Amino acid sequence: MKNLFAGIIASKTRIKLLIRFFFNPETKSYLRELAKEFNISTNSVREELNQLTKTKLLKSEKNGRQVYYSADSSHPLFPELKSMVSKVMGIDQVIDGIVNRLGDIEEAYLIDNYAEGKDTGIIDLLLVGDVDQYHLNDLSRKTERYIKRKIRSLVLSKDEYKDLLPELRKRHRVLIWEAKVR
């Protein structure tokens, strides 16, 4: 699926930056952190950050000696880029393939690396509600083959979720689906 971006964007570093910032727009990162994470030189990252900032896809803010970058949600292309990144990461397939078919789910979250915009190949999914574990495992396996990523699921009741919420707030977490109010 990453070939979607690779066919449009020649720079692998730019693709990584777009995924990092547009998957979870709340993410803020600085140059050295990104260079270390991507295992590439700071000059390569700086060049791409400057280009994305020039086009106003990213915004920057100085905090002490660090310059933090984040997606500019006011950019006219923001919704489309966010949608494209979700497709590249396979999240749309997780929602369609798993969450929408499980029945009594109240909320679904991505947690940890994917919630931070890091494509590690393992999607950590937190489901709140009543789920048939066998059906979940079956749907997860089928979806994994399609998106070529591993899915780890944690299923909690609403009460268990409320009890764990203080701990979950310390981790990266993105709401990807919630039940419509009946």
N, C-alpha and C. Protein backbone atom coordinates (compact mmCIF):
# COMPACT_ATOMS: atom_id res chain seq x y z
N MET A 1 0.82 -1.19 0.00
CA MET A 1 0.00 0.00 0.00
C MET A 1 0.87 1.26 0.00
N LYS A 2 2.07 1.18 0.59
CA LYS A 2 2.94 2.35 0.59
C LYS A 2 3.31 2.75 -0.82
N ASN A 3 3.15 1.82 -1.77
CA ASN A 3 3.43 2.15 -3.16
C ASN A 3 2.53 3.26 -3.67
N LEU A 4 1.37 3.44 -3.02
CA LEU A 4 0.48 4.54 -3.38
C LEU A 4 1.24 5.86 -3.29
N PHE A 5 1.93 6.08 -2.18
CA PHE A 5 2.71 7.31 -2.03
C PHE A 5 3.99 7.26 -2.86
N ALA A 6 4.64 6.10 -2.88
CA ALA A 6 5.92 5.98 -3.59
C ALA A 6 5.75 6.29 -5.08
N GLY A 7 4.59 6.00 -5.64
CA GLY A 7 4.34 6.30 -7.04
C GLY A 7 4.12 7.79 -7.29
N ILE A 8 3.75 8.51 -6.24
CA ILE A 8 3.46 9.94 -6.37
C ILE A 8 4.62 10.78 -5.86
N ILE A 9 5.24 10.33 -4.77
CA ILE A 9 6.28 11.10 -4.09
C ILE A 9 7.59 10.32 -4.15
N ALA A 10 8.62 10.93 -4.72
CA ALA A 10 9.90 10.24 -4.91
C ALA A 10 10.70 10.11 -3.61
N SER A 11 10.57 11.04 -2.70
CA SER A 11 11.37 11.05 -1.48
C SER A 11 10.78 10.14 -0.41
N LYS A 12 11.55 9.10 -0.01
CA LYS A 12 11.10 8.21 1.05
C LYS A 12 11.00 8.95 2.38
N THR A 13 11.90 9.90 2.58
CA THR A 13 11.87 10.69 3.81
C THR A 13 10.60 11.53 3.87
N ARG A 14 10.20 12.13 2.77
CA ARG A 14 8.98 12.93 2.74
C ARG A 14 7.76 12.05 3.02
N ILE A 15 7.74 10.84 2.48
CA ILE A 15 6.64 9.92 2.74
C ILE A 15 6.56 9.62 4.23
N LYS A 16 7.70 9.33 4.85
CA LYS A 16 7.72 9.03 6.29
C LYS A 16 7.22 10.23 7.10
N LEU A 17 7.62 11.43 6.70
CA LEU A 17 7.18 12.63 7.40
C LEU A 17 5.67 12.84 7.25
N LEU A 18 5.15 12.65 6.06
CA LEU A 18 3.71 12.80 5.84
C LEU A 18 2.93 11.80 6.68
N ILE A 19 3.40 10.56 6.70
CA ILE A 19 2.73 9.54 7.51
C ILE A 19 2.80 9.93 8.98
N ARG A 20 3.97 10.33 9.42
CA ARG A 20 4.16 10.68 10.83
C ARG A 20 3.23 11.81 11.27
N PHE A 21 3.14 12.87 10.45
CA PHE A 21 2.39 14.05 10.88
C PHE A 21 0.91 14.04 10.50
N PHE A 22 0.55 13.39 9.42
CA PHE A 22 -0.84 13.45 8.98
C PHE A 22 -1.69 12.30 9.50
N PHE A 23 -1.06 11.24 10.00
CA PHE A 23 -1.87 10.19 10.58
C PHE A 23 -2.45 10.66 11.91
N ASN A 24 -1.60 11.23 12.74
CA ASN A 24 -2.05 11.79 14.01
C ASN A 24 -1.59 13.24 14.06
N PRO A 25 -2.46 14.16 13.65
CA PRO A 25 -2.08 15.57 13.55
C PRO A 25 -1.67 16.22 14.87
N GLU A 26 -1.95 15.55 15.98
CA GLU A 26 -1.54 16.09 17.28
C GLU A 26 -0.04 15.88 17.52
N THR A 27 0.58 15.04 16.71
CA THR A 27 1.99 14.71 16.88
C THR A 27 2.87 15.93 16.61
N LYS A 28 3.81 16.14 17.51
CA LYS A 28 4.83 17.18 17.33
C LYS A 28 6.18 16.51 17.48
N SER A 29 7.09 16.81 16.58
CA SER A 29 8.42 16.20 16.63
C SER A 29 9.46 17.22 16.23
N TYR A 30 10.69 16.97 16.65
CA TYR A 30 11.78 17.86 16.28
C TYR A 30 12.80 17.09 15.42
N LEU A 31 13.67 17.83 14.79
CA LEU A 31 14.59 17.33 13.78
C LEU A 31 15.36 16.08 14.22
N ARG A 32 16.11 16.16 15.28
CA ARG A 32 16.97 15.04 15.69
C ARG A 32 16.16 13.80 16.06
N GLU A 33 15.01 14.01 16.66
CA GLU A 33 14.14 12.89 17.01
C GLU A 33 13.71 12.14 15.74
N LEU A 34 13.33 12.89 14.71
CA LEU A 34 12.91 12.29 13.45
C LEU A 34 14.06 11.59 12.75
N ALA A 35 15.23 12.23 12.73
CA ALA A 35 16.41 11.63 12.08
C ALA A 35 16.77 10.31 12.75
N LYS A 36 16.71 10.28 14.07
CA LYS A 36 17.02 9.06 14.81
C LYS A 36 15.98 7.98 14.52
N GLU A 37 14.71 8.36 14.56
CA GLU A 37 13.63 7.40 14.31
C GLU A 37 13.71 6.80 12.90
N PHE A 38 13.98 7.65 11.91
CA PHE A 38 14.03 7.19 10.51
C PHE A 38 15.39 6.60 10.14
N ASN A 39 16.37 6.78 11.04
CA ASN A 39 17.73 6.30 10.82
C ASN A 39 18.35 6.90 9.55
N ILE A 40 18.20 8.22 9.41
CA ILE A 40 18.80 8.96 8.29
C ILE A 40 19.42 10.25 8.82
N SER A 41 20.18 10.91 8.00
CA SER A 41 20.91 12.10 8.44
C SER A 41 19.95 13.25 8.75
N THR A 42 20.40 14.10 9.67
CA THR A 42 19.59 15.28 10.01
C THR A 42 19.44 16.20 8.80
N ASN A 43 20.47 16.25 7.94
CA ASN A 43 20.37 17.11 6.74
C ASN A 43 19.25 16.66 5.82
N SER A 44 19.09 15.35 5.62
CA SER A 44 18.01 14.84 4.77
C SER A 44 16.65 15.20 5.35
N VAL A 45 16.51 15.02 6.65
CA VAL A 45 15.24 15.33 7.30
C VAL A 45 14.99 16.83 7.26
N ARG A 46 16.02 17.64 7.54
CA ARG A 46 15.88 19.09 7.55
C ARG A 46 15.41 19.60 6.19
N GLU A 47 15.99 19.06 5.13
CA GLU A 47 15.63 19.47 3.77
C GLU A 47 14.13 19.23 3.51
N GLU A 48 13.65 18.06 3.89
CA GLU A 48 12.23 17.73 3.68
C GLU A 48 11.33 18.55 4.60
N LEU A 49 11.73 18.74 5.85
CA LEU A 49 10.95 19.56 6.76
C LEU A 49 10.81 20.98 6.23
N ASN A 50 11.93 21.53 5.72
CA ASN A 50 11.90 22.89 5.15
C ASN A 50 10.94 22.97 3.97
N GLN A 51 11.00 21.97 3.11
CA GLN A 51 10.12 21.94 1.93
C GLN A 51 8.64 21.86 2.34
N LEU A 52 8.33 20.99 3.29
CA LEU A 52 6.95 20.82 3.74
C LEU A 52 6.46 22.04 4.51
N THR A 53 7.37 22.72 5.19
CA THR A 53 7.01 23.95 5.90
C THR A 53 6.79 25.09 4.91
N LYS A 54 7.63 25.15 3.88
CA LYS A 54 7.48 26.17 2.83
C LYS A 54 6.13 26.07 2.13
N THR A 55 5.67 24.85 1.90
CA THR A 55 4.38 24.65 1.23
C THR A 55 3.22 24.73 2.22
N LYS A 56 3.54 24.99 3.48
CA LYS A 56 2.57 25.16 4.56
C LYS A 56 1.79 23.89 4.91
N LEU A 57 2.32 22.72 4.52
CA LEU A 57 1.72 21.47 4.95
C LEU A 57 2.07 21.19 6.41
N LEU A 58 3.26 21.67 6.81
CA LEU A 58 3.68 21.57 8.20
C LEU A 58 3.85 22.97 8.76
N LYS A 59 3.67 23.07 10.06
CA LYS A 59 3.97 24.33 10.75
C LYS A 59 5.05 24.05 11.77
N SER A 60 5.78 25.08 12.13
CA SER A 60 6.86 24.90 13.10
C SER A 60 6.69 25.91 14.22
N GLU A 61 7.14 25.49 15.40
CA GLU A 61 7.13 26.40 16.55
C GLU A 61 8.35 26.13 17.40
N LYS A 62 8.97 27.20 17.81
CA LYS A 62 10.19 27.09 18.60
C LYS A 62 9.83 26.98 20.08
N ASN A 63 10.49 26.03 20.75
CA ASN A 63 10.30 25.86 22.18
C ASN A 63 11.69 25.68 22.77
N GLY A 64 12.21 26.74 23.34
CA GLY A 64 13.59 26.71 23.82
C GLY A 64 14.52 26.62 22.63
N ARG A 65 15.40 25.62 22.64
CA ARG A 65 16.34 25.45 21.52
C ARG A 65 15.78 24.54 20.43
N GLN A 66 14.68 23.88 20.72
CA GLN A 66 14.09 22.94 19.76
C GLN A 66 13.04 23.61 18.89
N VAL A 67 12.99 23.19 17.64
CA VAL A 67 11.91 23.60 16.74
C VAL A 67 11.04 22.37 16.52
N TYR A 68 9.78 22.48 16.92
CA TYR A 68 8.85 21.36 16.79
C TYR A 68 7.99 21.55 15.55
N TYR A 69 7.79 20.45 14.84
CA TYR A 69 6.99 20.46 13.62
C TYR A 69 5.71 19.68 13.84
N SER A 70 4.64 20.10 13.16
CA SER A 70 3.37 19.39 13.22
C SER A 70 2.59 19.69 11.94
N ALA A 71 1.58 18.88 11.67
CA ALA A 71 0.75 19.10 10.49
C ALA A 71 -0.05 20.38 10.66
N ASP A 72 -0.23 21.10 9.58
CA ASP A 72 -1.04 22.31 9.61
C ASP A 72 -2.47 21.94 9.20
N SER A 73 -3.33 21.78 10.20
CA SER A 73 -4.69 21.32 9.94
C SER A 73 -5.54 22.37 9.21
N SER A 74 -5.04 23.59 9.08
CA SER A 74 -5.79 24.61 8.34
C SER A 74 -5.46 24.60 6.84
N HIS A 75 -4.50 23.79 6.44
CA HIS A 75 -4.13 23.71 5.02
C HIS A 75 -5.30 23.10 4.25
N PRO A 76 -5.61 23.64 3.06
CA PRO A 76 -6.75 23.12 2.29
C PRO A 76 -6.64 21.63 1.92
N LEU A 77 -5.43 21.10 1.81
CA LEU A 77 -5.26 19.68 1.47
C LEU A 77 -5.22 18.76 2.69
N PHE A 78 -5.31 19.34 3.88
CA PHE A 78 -5.19 18.54 5.10
C PHE A 78 -6.14 17.34 5.14
N PRO A 79 -7.45 17.52 4.92
CA PRO A 79 -8.36 16.36 5.01
C PRO A 79 -8.00 15.25 4.01
N GLU A 80 -7.62 15.64 2.81
CA GLU A 80 -7.28 14.64 1.80
C GLU A 80 -6.00 13.90 2.14
N LEU A 81 -4.99 14.64 2.61
CA LEU A 81 -3.72 13.99 2.99
C LEU A 81 -3.93 13.07 4.19
N LYS A 82 -4.71 13.49 5.15
CA LYS A 82 -4.99 12.65 6.32
C LYS A 82 -5.68 11.37 5.87
N SER A 83 -6.63 11.48 4.97
CA SER A 83 -7.33 10.31 4.44
C SER A 83 -6.38 9.39 3.68
N MET A 84 -5.52 9.96 2.85
CA MET A 84 -4.57 9.16 2.09
C MET A 84 -3.62 8.41 3.02
N VAL A 85 -3.15 9.07 4.05
CA VAL A 85 -2.23 8.43 5.00
C VAL A 85 -2.92 7.27 5.70
N SER A 86 -4.17 7.46 6.09
CA SER A 86 -4.92 6.36 6.72
C SER A 86 -5.04 5.17 5.79
N LYS A 87 -5.24 5.44 4.52
CA LYS A 87 -5.33 4.35 3.54
C LYS A 87 -3.98 3.65 3.38
N VAL A 88 -2.92 4.43 3.31
CA VAL A 88 -1.58 3.87 3.17
C VAL A 88 -1.25 2.97 4.37
N MET A 89 -1.65 3.38 5.55
CA MET A 89 -1.35 2.61 6.75
C MET A 89 -2.31 1.45 6.95
N GLY A 90 -3.37 1.39 6.16
CA GLY A 90 -4.30 0.27 6.26
C GLY A 90 -5.38 0.44 7.30
N ILE A 91 -5.48 1.62 7.89
CA ILE A 91 -6.45 1.83 8.96
C ILE A 91 -7.87 1.76 8.43
N ASP A 92 -8.09 2.23 7.21
CA ASP A 92 -9.43 2.15 6.64
C ASP A 92 -9.87 0.69 6.53
N GLN A 93 -8.93 -0.21 6.21
CA GLN A 93 -9.26 -1.63 6.11
C GLN A 93 -9.51 -2.24 7.49
N VAL A 94 -8.79 -1.76 8.51
CA VAL A 94 -9.03 -2.25 9.86
C VAL A 94 -10.45 -1.88 10.28
N ILE A 95 -10.84 -0.65 10.00
CA ILE A 95 -12.19 -0.21 10.37
C ILE A 95 -13.24 -0.99 9.59
N ASP A 96 -13.08 -1.07 8.27
CA ASP A 96 -14.05 -1.79 7.45
C ASP A 96 -14.04 -3.28 7.71
N GLY A 97 -12.85 -3.85 7.86
CA GLY A 97 -12.73 -5.29 7.97
C GLY A 97 -13.01 -5.84 9.35
N ILE A 98 -12.79 -5.04 10.37
CA ILE A 98 -12.94 -5.55 11.73
C ILE A 98 -14.01 -4.81 12.52
N VAL A 99 -13.78 -3.54 12.75
CA VAL A 99 -14.62 -2.78 13.68
C VAL A 99 -16.08 -2.76 13.26
N ASN A 100 -16.35 -2.49 11.99
CA ASN A 100 -17.74 -2.40 11.54
C ASN A 100 -18.47 -3.73 11.57
N ARG A 101 -17.74 -4.83 11.66
CA ARG A 101 -18.37 -6.16 11.58
C ARG A 101 -18.48 -6.87 12.93
N LEU A 102 -18.01 -6.27 13.99
CA LEU A 102 -17.97 -6.99 15.25
C LEU A 102 -19.21 -6.85 16.11
N GLY A 103 -20.06 -5.94 15.79
CA GLY A 103 -21.30 -5.85 16.55
C GLY A 103 -21.30 -4.78 17.60
N ASP A 104 -21.23 -5.18 18.85
CA ASP A 104 -21.49 -4.26 19.96
C ASP A 104 -20.22 -3.56 20.46
N ILE A 105 -19.61 -2.76 19.59
CA ILE A 105 -18.43 -1.99 19.96
C ILE A 105 -18.85 -0.54 20.15
N GLU A 106 -18.39 0.05 21.23
CA GLU A 106 -18.71 1.46 21.50
C GLU A 106 -17.65 2.39 20.92
N GLU A 107 -16.38 1.99 21.07
CA GLU A 107 -15.27 2.81 20.58
C GLU A 107 -14.12 1.91 20.15
N ALA A 108 -13.33 2.42 19.20
CA ALA A 108 -12.12 1.72 18.78
C ALA A 108 -10.99 2.74 18.71
N TYR A 109 -9.85 2.38 19.28
CA TYR A 109 -8.68 3.27 19.33
C TYR A 109 -7.47 2.56 18.74
N LEU A 110 -6.61 3.34 18.13
CA LEU A 110 -5.25 2.89 17.85
C LEU A 110 -4.44 3.36 19.04
N ILE A 111 -3.55 2.52 19.51
CA ILE A 111 -2.71 2.93 20.63
C ILE A 111 -1.24 2.72 20.29
N ASP A 112 -0.41 3.42 21.01
CA ASP A 112 1.05 3.30 20.94
C ASP A 112 1.62 3.76 19.59
N ASN A 113 2.47 2.96 18.94
CA ASN A 113 3.24 3.43 17.78
C ASN A 113 2.38 3.97 16.64
N TYR A 114 1.37 3.25 16.24
CA TYR A 114 0.54 3.72 15.13
C TYR A 114 -0.18 5.01 15.50
N ALA A 115 -0.60 5.13 16.74
CA ALA A 115 -1.27 6.35 17.19
C ALA A 115 -0.32 7.54 17.13
N GLU A 116 0.97 7.25 17.21
CA GLU A 116 1.98 8.31 17.14
C GLU A 116 2.39 8.58 15.69
N GLY A 117 1.88 7.77 14.77
CA GLY A 117 2.23 7.95 13.36
C GLY A 117 3.44 7.15 12.93
N LYS A 118 3.83 6.15 13.73
CA LYS A 118 4.97 5.29 13.39
C LYS A 118 4.45 3.99 12.80
N ASP A 119 4.81 3.72 11.57
CA ASP A 119 4.39 2.50 10.89
C ASP A 119 5.38 1.40 11.21
N THR A 120 5.12 0.65 12.28
CA THR A 120 6.03 -0.40 12.74
C THR A 120 5.67 -1.77 12.19
N GLY A 121 4.52 -1.86 11.54
CA GLY A 121 4.07 -3.14 11.02
C GLY A 121 3.16 -3.89 11.98
N ILE A 122 3.00 -3.36 13.19
CA ILE A 122 2.09 -3.96 14.17
C ILE A 122 1.10 -2.89 14.60
N ILE A 123 -0.17 -3.16 14.34
CA ILE A 123 -1.24 -2.22 14.71
C ILE A 123 -1.83 -2.67 16.04
N ASP A 124 -1.72 -1.81 17.05
CA ASP A 124 -2.31 -2.09 18.35
C ASP A 124 -3.67 -1.43 18.40
N LEU A 125 -4.69 -2.26 18.57
CA LEU A 125 -6.08 -1.83 18.51
C LEU A 125 -6.72 -2.04 19.86
N LEU A 126 -7.38 -1.02 20.38
CA LEU A 126 -8.12 -1.11 21.63
C LEU A 126 -9.60 -1.00 21.30
N LEU A 127 -10.35 -2.04 21.65
CA LEU A 127 -11.79 -2.07 21.38
C LEU A 127 -12.53 -2.02 22.69
N VAL A 128 -13.52 -1.13 22.77
CA VAL A 128 -14.33 -0.99 23.98
C VAL A 128 -15.73 -1.48 23.64
N GLY A 129 -16.15 -2.53 24.35
CA GLY A 129 -17.48 -3.08 24.11
C GLY A 129 -17.49 -4.58 24.31
N ASP A 130 -18.54 -5.21 23.82
CA ASP A 130 -18.70 -6.65 23.94
C ASP A 130 -18.37 -7.29 22.60
N VAL A 131 -17.32 -8.11 22.56
CA VAL A 131 -16.82 -8.66 21.30
C VAL A 131 -16.68 -10.17 21.41
N ASP A 132 -17.07 -10.86 20.36
CA ASP A 132 -16.85 -12.30 20.25
C ASP A 132 -15.38 -12.48 19.85
N GLN A 133 -14.56 -12.99 20.76
CA GLN A 133 -13.11 -13.10 20.55
C GLN A 133 -12.77 -13.97 19.34
N TYR A 134 -13.53 -15.05 19.12
CA TYR A 134 -13.27 -15.92 17.98
C TYR A 134 -13.49 -15.15 16.67
N HIS A 135 -14.59 -14.42 16.59
CA HIS A 135 -14.90 -13.63 15.39
C HIS A 135 -13.84 -12.55 15.17
N LEU A 136 -13.41 -11.92 16.25
CA LEU A 136 -12.36 -10.90 16.17
C LEU A 136 -11.07 -11.49 15.61
N ASN A 137 -10.66 -12.64 16.13
CA ASN A 137 -9.43 -13.28 15.66
C ASN A 137 -9.53 -13.63 14.18
N ASP A 138 -10.67 -14.15 13.76
CA ASP A 138 -10.87 -14.52 12.36
C ASP A 138 -10.79 -13.29 11.46
N LEU A 139 -11.50 -12.23 11.82
CA LEU A 139 -11.47 -10.99 11.02
C LEU A 139 -10.08 -10.37 11.01
N SER A 140 -9.39 -10.42 12.14
CA SER A 140 -8.04 -9.86 12.23
C SER A 140 -7.09 -10.59 11.28
N ARG A 141 -7.14 -11.92 11.29
CA ARG A 141 -6.27 -12.69 10.39
C ARG A 141 -6.51 -12.34 8.92
N LYS A 142 -7.77 -12.25 8.54
CA LYS A 142 -8.11 -11.93 7.15
C LYS A 142 -7.64 -10.52 6.79
N THR A 143 -7.84 -9.58 7.69
CA THR A 143 -7.43 -8.19 7.44
C THR A 143 -5.91 -8.09 7.39
N GLU A 144 -5.21 -8.82 8.26
CA GLU A 144 -3.74 -8.80 8.29
C GLU A 144 -3.16 -9.22 6.94
N ARG A 145 -3.73 -10.25 6.35
CA ARG A 145 -3.24 -10.70 5.05
C ARG A 145 -3.40 -9.62 3.99
N TYR A 146 -4.48 -8.89 4.06
CA TYR A 146 -4.77 -7.86 3.07
C TYR A 146 -3.86 -6.63 3.24
N ILE A 147 -3.68 -6.19 4.50
CA ILE A 147 -2.92 -4.95 4.72
C ILE A 147 -1.44 -5.22 4.98
N LYS A 148 -1.05 -6.50 5.11
CA LYS A 148 0.35 -6.89 5.34
C LYS A 148 0.92 -6.25 6.61
N ARG A 149 0.12 -6.27 7.66
CA ARG A 149 0.52 -5.79 8.97
C ARG A 149 -0.12 -6.69 10.02
N LYS A 150 0.51 -6.82 11.16
CA LYS A 150 -0.01 -7.62 12.27
C LYS A 150 -0.96 -6.73 13.08
N ILE A 151 -2.05 -7.33 13.57
CA ILE A 151 -3.01 -6.60 14.39
C ILE A 151 -3.06 -7.25 15.77
N ARG A 152 -2.79 -6.45 16.79
CA ARG A 152 -2.92 -6.92 18.18
C ARG A 152 -4.11 -6.18 18.78
N SER A 153 -5.02 -6.94 19.35
CA SER A 153 -6.25 -6.35 19.88
C SER A 153 -6.33 -6.50 21.39
N LEU A 154 -6.81 -5.46 22.03
CA LEU A 154 -7.14 -5.49 23.45
C LEU A 154 -8.61 -5.12 23.54
N VAL A 155 -9.42 -6.00 24.11
CA VAL A 155 -10.85 -5.76 24.23
C VAL A 155 -11.17 -5.50 25.69
N LEU A 156 -11.84 -4.37 25.94
CA LEU A 156 -12.22 -3.98 27.29
C LEU A 156 -13.71 -3.66 27.34
N SER A 157 -14.33 -3.96 28.48
CA SER A 157 -15.70 -3.50 28.70
C SER A 157 -15.63 -2.00 29.00
N LYS A 158 -16.76 -1.34 28.97
CA LYS A 158 -16.79 0.10 29.25
C LYS A 158 -16.22 0.39 30.65
N ASP A 159 -16.57 -0.45 31.63
CA ASP A 159 -16.06 -0.25 32.99
C ASP A 159 -14.55 -0.47 33.07
N GLU A 160 -14.05 -1.52 32.41
CA GLU A 160 -12.61 -1.77 32.39
C GLU A 160 -11.87 -0.60 31.73
N TYR A 161 -12.46 -0.08 30.65
CA TYR A 161 -11.85 1.06 29.96
C TYR A 161 -11.77 2.27 30.89
N LYS A 162 -12.86 2.54 31.62
CA LYS A 162 -12.87 3.69 32.56
C LYS A 162 -11.81 3.50 33.64
N ASP A 163 -11.67 2.27 34.13
CA ASP A 163 -10.66 1.99 35.16
C ASP A 163 -9.24 2.20 34.64
N LEU A 164 -9.00 1.84 33.38
CA LEU A 164 -7.66 1.95 32.79
C LEU A 164 -7.37 3.33 32.18
N LEU A 165 -8.38 4.16 32.08
CA LEU A 165 -8.22 5.46 31.40
C LEU A 165 -7.06 6.31 31.92
N PRO A 166 -6.85 6.41 33.24
CA PRO A 166 -5.69 7.21 33.69
C PRO A 166 -4.37 6.69 33.10
N GLU A 167 -4.22 5.37 33.02
CA GLU A 167 -3.00 4.80 32.45
C GLU A 167 -2.96 5.00 30.94
N LEU A 168 -4.09 4.85 30.28
CA LEU A 168 -4.15 5.01 28.82
C LEU A 168 -3.85 6.44 28.39
N ARG A 169 -4.18 7.40 29.22
CA ARG A 169 -3.92 8.81 28.89
C ARG A 169 -2.43 9.11 28.79
N LYS A 170 -1.60 8.27 29.37
CA LYS A 170 -0.15 8.45 29.32
C LYS A 170 0.44 7.90 28.02
N ARG A 171 -0.37 7.15 27.26
CA ARG A 171 0.08 6.52 26.02
C ARG A 171 -0.54 7.24 24.84
N HIS A 172 0.09 7.08 23.68
CA HIS A 172 -0.48 7.64 22.46
C HIS A 172 -1.75 6.86 22.14
N ARG A 173 -2.81 7.61 21.81
CA ARG A 173 -4.11 6.98 21.58
C ARG A 173 -4.89 7.86 20.61
N VAL A 174 -5.47 7.23 19.58
CA VAL A 174 -6.27 7.96 18.60
C VAL A 174 -7.60 7.23 18.42
N LEU A 175 -8.68 7.94 18.62
CA LEU A 175 -10.00 7.37 18.39
C LEU A 175 -10.20 7.22 16.89
N ILE A 176 -10.47 5.98 16.43
CA ILE A 176 -10.64 5.77 14.99
C ILE A 176 -12.09 5.42 14.64
N TRP A 177 -12.88 5.11 15.65
CA TRP A 177 -14.27 4.75 15.38
C TRP A 177 -15.07 4.84 16.67
N GLU A 178 -16.31 5.30 16.56
CA GLU A 178 -17.22 5.24 17.72
C GLU A 178 -18.63 4.99 17.23
N ALA A 179 -19.40 4.29 18.08
CA ALA A 179 -20.76 3.94 17.70
C ALA A 179 -21.59 5.21 17.60
N LYS A 180 -22.47 5.20 16.65
CA LYS A 180 -23.40 6.32 16.50
C LYS A 180 -24.39 6.28 17.66
N VAL A 181 -24.75 7.47 18.13
CA VAL A 181 -25.69 7.54 19.23
C VAL A 181 -27.05 7.03 18.74
N ARG A 182 -27.59 6.10 19.51
CA ARG A 182 -28.86 5.48 19.09
C ARG A 182 -30.03 6.28 19.53
